[in-house]
PDB file of N, CA and C in Angstrom:
ATOM      1  N   UNK A   1       0.858  -1.177   0.000  1.00  0.00           N
ATOM      2  CA  UNK A   1       0.000   0.000   0.000  1.00  0.00           C
ATOM      3  C   UNK A   1       0.901   1.235   0.000  1.00  0.00           C
ATOM      4  N   UNK A   2       0.639   2.126  -0.902  1.00  0.00           N
ATOM      5  CA  UNK A   2       1.420   3.357  -1.024  1.00  0.00           C
ATOM      6  C   UNK A   2       1.164   4.264   0.179  1.00  0.00           C
ATOM      7  N   UNK A   3       2.217   4.718   0.844  1.00  0.00           N
ATOM      8  CA  UNK A   3       2.101   5.547   2.040  1.00  0.00           C
ATOM      9  C   UNK A   3       1.373   6.859   1.760  1.00  0.00           C
ATOM     10  N   UNK A   4       1.631   7.457   0.604  1.00  0.00           N
ATOM     11  CA  UNK A   4       0.965   8.726   0.245  1.00  0.00           C
ATOM     12  C   UNK A   4      -0.538   8.519   0.102  1.00  0.00           C
ATOM     13  N   UNK A   5      -0.932   7.410  -0.521  1.00  0.00           N
ATOM     14  CA  UNK A   5      -2.355   7.110  -0.672  1.00  0.00           C
ATOM     15  C   UNK A   5      -2.994   6.898   0.690  1.00  0.00           C
ATOM     16  N   UNK A   6      -2.324   6.172   1.558  1.00  0.00           N
ATOM     17  CA  UNK A   6      -2.850   5.896   2.886  1.00  0.00           C
ATOM     18  C   UNK A   6      -3.082   7.181   3.676  1.00  0.00           C
ATOM     19  N   UNK A   7      -2.227   8.181   3.487  1.00  0.00           N
ATOM     20  CA  UNK A   7      -2.400   9.465   4.166  1.00  0.00           C
ATOM     21  C   UNK A   7      -3.686  10.165   3.729  1.00  0.00           C
ATOM     22  N   UNK A   8      -4.104   9.927   2.497  1.00  0.00           N
ATOM     23  CA  UNK A   8      -5.289  10.598   1.955  1.00  0.00           C
ATOM     24  C   UNK A   8      -6.593   9.885   2.281  1.00  0.00           C
ATOM     25  N   UNK A   9      -6.519   8.587   2.510  1.00  0.00           N
ATOM     26  CA  UNK A   9      -7.731   7.808   2.736  1.00  0.00           C
ATOM     27  C   UNK A   9      -8.244   7.951   4.158  1.00  0.00           C
ATOM     28  N   UNK A  10      -9.565   7.998   4.291  1.00  0.00           N
ATOM     29  CA  UNK A  10     -10.214   8.017   5.603  1.00  0.00           C
ATOM     30  C   UNK A  10     -11.363   7.021   5.576  1.00  0.00           C
ATOM     31  N   UNK A  11     -11.833   6.650   6.737  1.00  0.00           N
ATOM     32  CA  UNK A  11     -12.976   5.762   6.845  1.00  0.00           C
ATOM     33  C   UNK A  11     -14.196   6.466   6.246  1.00  0.00           C
ATOM     34  N   UNK A  12     -14.920   5.816   5.353  1.00  0.00           N
ATOM     35  CA  UNK A  12     -16.079   6.463   4.745  1.00  0.00           C
ATOM     36  C   UNK A  12     -17.229   6.701   5.718  1.00  0.00           C
ATOM     37  N   UNK A  13     -17.222   6.028   6.846  1.00  0.00           N
ATOM     38  CA  UNK A  13     -18.302   6.185   7.821  1.00  0.00           C
ATOM     39  C   UNK A  13     -17.981   7.272   8.835  1.00  0.00           C
ATOM     40  N   UNK A  14     -16.799   7.174   9.451  1.00  0.00           N
ATOM     41  CA  UNK A  14     -16.449   8.096  10.536  1.00  0.00           C
ATOM     42  C   UNK A  14     -15.559   9.247  10.084  1.00  0.00           C
ATOM     43  N   UNK A  15     -14.990   9.131   8.897  1.00  0.00           N
ATOM     44  CA  UNK A  15     -14.009  10.097   8.372  1.00  0.00           C
ATOM     45  C   UNK A  15     -12.733  10.109   9.204  1.00  0.00           C
ATOM     46  N   UNK A  16     -12.542   9.059   9.997  1.00  0.00           N
ATOM     47  CA  UNK A  16     -11.348   8.929  10.822  1.00  0.00           C
ATOM     48  C   UNK A  16     -10.224   8.237  10.075  1.00  0.00           C
ATOM     49  N   UNK A  17      -9.046   8.153  10.694  1.00  0.00           N
ATOM     50  CA  UNK A  17      -7.878   7.555  10.042  1.00  0.00           C
ATOM     51  C   UNK A  17      -8.015   6.046   9.864  1.00  0.00           C
ATOM     52  N   UNK A  18      -7.283   5.535   8.901  1.00  0.00           N
ATOM     53  CA  UNK A  18      -7.228   4.103   8.642  1.00  0.00           C
ATOM     54  C   UNK A  18      -5.797   3.616   8.863  1.00  0.00           C
ATOM     55  N   UNK A  19      -5.668   2.414   9.387  1.00  0.00           N
ATOM     56  CA  UNK A  19      -4.364   1.792   9.597  1.00  0.00           C
ATOM     57  C   UNK A  19      -4.274   0.580   8.678  1.00  0.00           C
ATOM     58  N   UNK A  20      -3.169   0.456   7.970  1.00  0.00           N
ATOM     59  CA  UNK A  20      -2.991  -0.650   7.038  1.00  0.00           C
ATOM     60  C   UNK A  20      -2.452  -1.873   7.762  1.00  0.00           C
ATOM     61  N   UNK A  21      -3.179  -2.980   7.667  1.00  0.00           N
ATOM     62  CA  UNK A  21      -2.732  -4.259   8.211  1.00  0.00           C
ATOM     63  C   UNK A  21      -2.201  -5.078   7.030  1.00  0.00           C
ATOM     64  N   UNK A  22      -0.892  -5.091   6.876  1.00  0.00           N
ATOM     65  CA  UNK A  22      -0.260  -5.749   5.730  1.00  0.00           C
ATOM     66  C   UNK A  22      -0.538  -7.250   5.727  1.00  0.00           C
ATOM     67  N   UNK A  23      -0.494  -7.880   6.895  1.00  0.00           N
ATOM     68  CA  UNK A  23      -0.682  -9.327   6.991  1.00  0.00           C
ATOM     69  C   UNK A  23      -2.058  -9.758   6.479  1.00  0.00           C
ATOM     70  N   UNK A  24      -3.079  -9.010   6.852  1.00  0.00           N
ATOM     71  CA  UNK A  24      -4.448  -9.361   6.446  1.00  0.00           C
ATOM     72  C   UNK A  24      -4.905  -8.638   5.185  1.00  0.00           C
ATOM     73  N   UNK A  25      -4.085  -7.719   4.679  1.00  0.00           N
ATOM     74  CA  UNK A  25      -4.448  -6.925   3.504  1.00  0.00           C
ATOM     75  C   UNK A  25      -5.781  -6.204   3.738  1.00  0.00           C
ATOM     76  N   UNK A  26      -5.802  -5.417   4.833  1.00  0.00           N
ATOM     77  CA  UNK A  26      -6.999  -4.675   5.215  1.00  0.00           C
ATOM     78  C   UNK A  26      -6.629  -3.270   5.679  1.00  0.00           C
ATOM     79  N   UNK A  27      -7.573  -2.360   5.520  1.00  0.00           N
ATOM     80  CA  UNK A  27      -7.478  -1.033   6.113  1.00  0.00           C
ATOM     81  C   UNK A  27      -8.419  -1.030   7.313  1.00  0.00           C
ATOM     82  N   UNK A  28      -7.870  -0.749   8.474  1.00  0.00           N
ATOM     83  CA  UNK A  28      -8.613  -0.874   9.724  1.00  0.00           C
ATOM     84  C   UNK A  28      -9.047   0.499  10.234  1.00  0.00           C
ATOM     85  N   UNK A  29     -10.341   0.597  10.538  1.00  0.00           N
ATOM     86  CA  UNK A  29     -10.900   1.789  11.170  1.00  0.00           C
ATOM     87  C   UNK A  29     -11.316   1.409  12.581  1.00  0.00           C
ATOM     88  N   UNK A  30     -10.514   1.827  13.552  1.00  0.00           N
ATOM     89  CA  UNK A  30     -10.852   1.514  14.949  1.00  0.00           C
ATOM     90  C   UNK A  30     -12.143   2.198  15.367  1.00  0.00           C
ATOM     91  N   UNK A  31     -12.360   3.443  14.899  1.00  0.00           N
ATOM     92  CA  UNK A  31     -13.551   4.186  15.314  1.00  0.00           C
ATOM     93  C   UNK A  31     -14.837   3.559  14.781  1.00  0.00           C
ATOM     94  N   UNK A  32     -14.800   2.987  13.580  1.00  0.00           N
ATOM     95  CA  UNK A  32     -15.983   2.337  13.017  1.00  0.00           C
ATOM     96  C   UNK A  32     -16.027   0.845  13.369  1.00  0.00           C
ATOM     97  N   UNK A  33     -14.912   0.329  13.913  1.00  0.00           N
ATOM     98  CA  UNK A  33     -14.793  -1.089  14.263  1.00  0.00           C
ATOM     99  C   UNK A  33     -14.964  -1.978  13.035  1.00  0.00           C
ATOM    100  N   UNK A  34     -14.346  -1.517  11.915  1.00  0.00           N
ATOM    101  CA  UNK A  34     -14.437  -2.244  10.651  1.00  0.00           C
ATOM    102  C   UNK A  34     -13.059  -2.383  10.021  1.00  0.00           C
ATOM    103  N   UNK A  35     -12.899  -3.429   9.227  1.00  0.00           N
ATOM    104  CA  UNK A  35     -11.686  -3.635   8.436  1.00  0.00           C
ATOM    105  C   UNK A  35     -12.107  -3.765   6.982  1.00  0.00           C
ATOM    106  N   UNK A  36     -11.596  -2.860   6.162  1.00  0.00           N
ATOM    107  CA  UNK A  36     -11.919  -2.835   4.741  1.00  0.00           C
ATOM    108  C   UNK A  36     -10.872  -3.624   3.964  1.00  0.00           C
ATOM    109  N   UNK A  37     -11.287  -4.476   3.043  1.00  0.00           N
ATOM    110  CA  UNK A  37     -10.311  -5.275   2.302  1.00  0.00           C
ATOM    111  C   UNK A  37      -9.529  -4.445   1.286  1.00  0.00           C
ATOM    112  N   UNK A  38      -8.312  -4.907   1.015  1.00  0.00           N
ATOM    113  CA  UNK A  38      -7.489  -4.351  -0.065  1.00  0.00           C
ATOM    114  C   UNK A  38      -7.305  -5.499  -1.046  1.00  0.00           C
ATOM    115  N   UNK A  39      -7.857  -5.339  -2.244  1.00  0.00           N
ATOM    116  CA  UNK A  39      -7.801  -6.401  -3.254  1.00  0.00           C
ATOM    117  C   UNK A  39      -6.956  -5.948  -4.433  1.00  0.00           C
ATOM    118  N   UNK A  40      -5.924  -6.707  -4.723  1.00  0.00           N
ATOM    119  CA  UNK A  40      -5.004  -6.374  -5.814  1.00  0.00           C
ATOM    120  C   UNK A  40      -4.463  -4.963  -5.680  1.00  0.00           C
ATOM    121  N   UNK A  41      -4.194  -4.544  -4.429  1.00  0.00           N
ATOM    122  CA  UNK A  41      -3.636  -3.225  -4.167  1.00  0.00           C
ATOM    123  C   UNK A  41      -4.654  -2.097  -4.169  1.00  0.00           C
ATOM    124  N   UNK A  42      -5.941  -2.427  -4.336  1.00  0.00           N
ATOM    125  CA  UNK A  42      -6.991  -1.405  -4.390  1.00  0.00           C
ATOM    126  C   UNK A  42      -7.876  -1.505  -3.154  1.00  0.00           C
ATOM    127  N   UNK A  43      -7.962  -0.425  -2.364  1.00  0.00           N
ATOM    128  CA  UNK A  43      -8.823  -0.437  -1.181  1.00  0.00           C
ATOM    129  C   UNK A  43     -10.300  -0.476  -1.588  1.00  0.00           C
ATOM    130  N   UNK A  44     -11.053  -1.343  -0.927  1.00  0.00           N
ATOM    131  CA  UNK A  44     -12.494  -1.436  -1.159  1.00  0.00           C
ATOM    132  C   UNK A  44     -13.173  -0.826   0.062  1.00  0.00           C
ATOM    133  N   UNK A  45     -13.494   0.461  -0.037  1.00  0.00           N
ATOM    134  CA  UNK A  45     -14.029   1.194   1.114  1.00  0.00           C
ATOM    135  C   UNK A  45     -15.549   1.235   1.091  1.00  0.00           C
ATOM    136  N   UNK A  46     -16.143   0.058   1.058  1.00  0.00           N
ATOM    137  CA  UNK A  46     -17.590  -0.081   1.083  1.00  0.00           C
ATOM    138  C   UNK A  46     -17.985  -0.781   2.375  1.00  0.00           C
ATOM    139  N   UNK A  47     -18.970  -0.226   3.066  1.00  0.00           N
ATOM    140  CA  UNK A  47     -19.378  -0.792   4.350  1.00  0.00           C
ATOM    141  C   UNK A  47     -19.834  -2.239   4.213  1.00  0.00           C
ATOM    142  N   UNK A  48     -20.532  -2.566   3.135  1.00  0.00           N
ATOM    143  CA  UNK A  48     -21.026  -3.934   2.981  1.00  0.00           C
ATOM    144  C   UNK A  48     -19.920  -4.933   2.619  1.00  0.00           C
ATOM    145  N   UNK A  49     -18.726  -4.458   2.280  1.00  0.00           N
ATOM    146  CA  UNK A  49     -17.570  -5.319   2.012  1.00  0.00           C
ATOM    147  C   UNK A  49     -16.658  -5.436   3.232  1.00  0.00           C
ATOM    148  N   UNK A  50     -16.878  -4.601   4.230  1.00  0.00           N
ATOM    149  CA  UNK A  50     -15.999  -4.560   5.406  1.00  0.00           C
ATOM    150  C   UNK A  50     -16.304  -5.701   6.375  1.00  0.00           C
ATOM    151  N   UNK A  51     -15.275  -6.045   7.123  1.00  0.00           N
ATOM    152  CA  UNK A  51     -15.380  -7.076   8.150  1.00  0.00           C
ATOM    153  C   UNK A  51     -15.459  -6.390   9.509  1.00  0.00           C
ATOM    154  N   UNK A  52     -16.417  -6.815  10.346  1.00  0.00           N
ATOM    155  CA  UNK A  52     -16.528  -6.260  11.697  1.00  0.00           C
ATOM    156  C   UNK A  52     -15.350  -6.745  12.538  1.00  0.00           C
ATOM    157  N   UNK A  53     -14.764  -5.820  13.299  1.00  0.00           N
ATOM    158  CA  UNK A  53     -13.629  -6.173  14.161  1.00  0.00           C
ATOM    159  C   UNK A  53     -14.118  -6.728  15.485  1.00  0.00           C
ATOM    160  N   UNK A  54     -13.383  -7.700  15.969  1.00  0.00           N
ATOM    161  CA  UNK A  54     -13.645  -8.273  17.295  1.00  0.00           C
ATOM    162  C   UNK A  54     -13.049  -7.341  18.351  1.00  0.00           C
ATOM    163  N   UNK A  55     -13.574  -7.416  19.586  1.00  0.00           N
ATOM    164  CA  UNK A  55     -13.054  -6.588  20.682  1.00  0.00           C
ATOM    165  C   UNK A  55     -11.548  -6.754  20.849  1.00  0.00           C
ATOM    166  N   UNK A  56     -11.050  -7.999  20.722  1.00  0.00           N
ATOM    167  CA  UNK A  56      -9.630  -8.265  20.911  1.00  0.00           C
ATOM    168  C   UNK A  56      -8.792  -7.532  19.860  1.00  0.00           C
ATOM    169  N   UNK A  57      -9.315  -7.409  18.660  1.00  0.00           N
ATOM    170  CA  UNK A  57      -8.586  -6.722  17.583  1.00  0.00           C
ATOM    171  C   UNK A  57      -8.509  -5.225  17.854  1.00  0.00           C
ATOM    172  N   UNK A  58      -9.556  -4.665  18.413  1.00  0.00           N
ATOM    173  CA  UNK A  58      -9.585  -3.235  18.743  1.00  0.00           C
ATOM    174  C   UNK A  58      -8.581  -2.951  19.863  1.00  0.00           C
ATOM    175  N   UNK A  59      -8.635  -3.741  20.916  1.00  0.00           N
ATOM    176  CA  UNK A  59      -7.768  -3.525  22.070  1.00  0.00           C
ATOM    177  C   UNK A  59      -6.306  -3.791  21.722  1.00  0.00           C
ATOM    178  N   UNK A  60      -6.049  -4.762  20.860  1.00  0.00           N
ATOM    179  CA  UNK A  60      -4.689  -5.158  20.522  1.00  0.00           C
ATOM    180  C   UNK A  60      -3.998  -4.233  19.546  1.00  0.00           C
ATOM    181  N   UNK A  61      -4.735  -3.321  18.909  1.00  0.00           N
ATOM    182  CA  UNK A  61      -4.112  -2.465  17.896  1.00  0.00           C
ATOM    183  C   UNK A  61      -3.766  -1.085  18.403  1.00  0.00           C
ATOM    184  N   UNK A  62      -3.663  -0.934  19.693  1.00  0.00           N
ATOM    185  CA  UNK A  62      -3.324   0.382  20.271  1.00  0.00           C
ATOM    186  C   UNK A  62      -1.924   0.795  19.920  1.00  0.00           C
TER     187      UNK A  62
END
């Protein structure tokens, strides 16, 4: 994921920052408690495509 692109992207729901999880290929929004997939290097910032985060994932990503 390009660092410059990541600086420009925000969560479409909360407008908050996103954190890139390279291992899972996801953009994580702690405020929305969602993880958006990155497919073939392209972020899919659609709520219906996002995965809900578990409590452990929220607490562990501090």
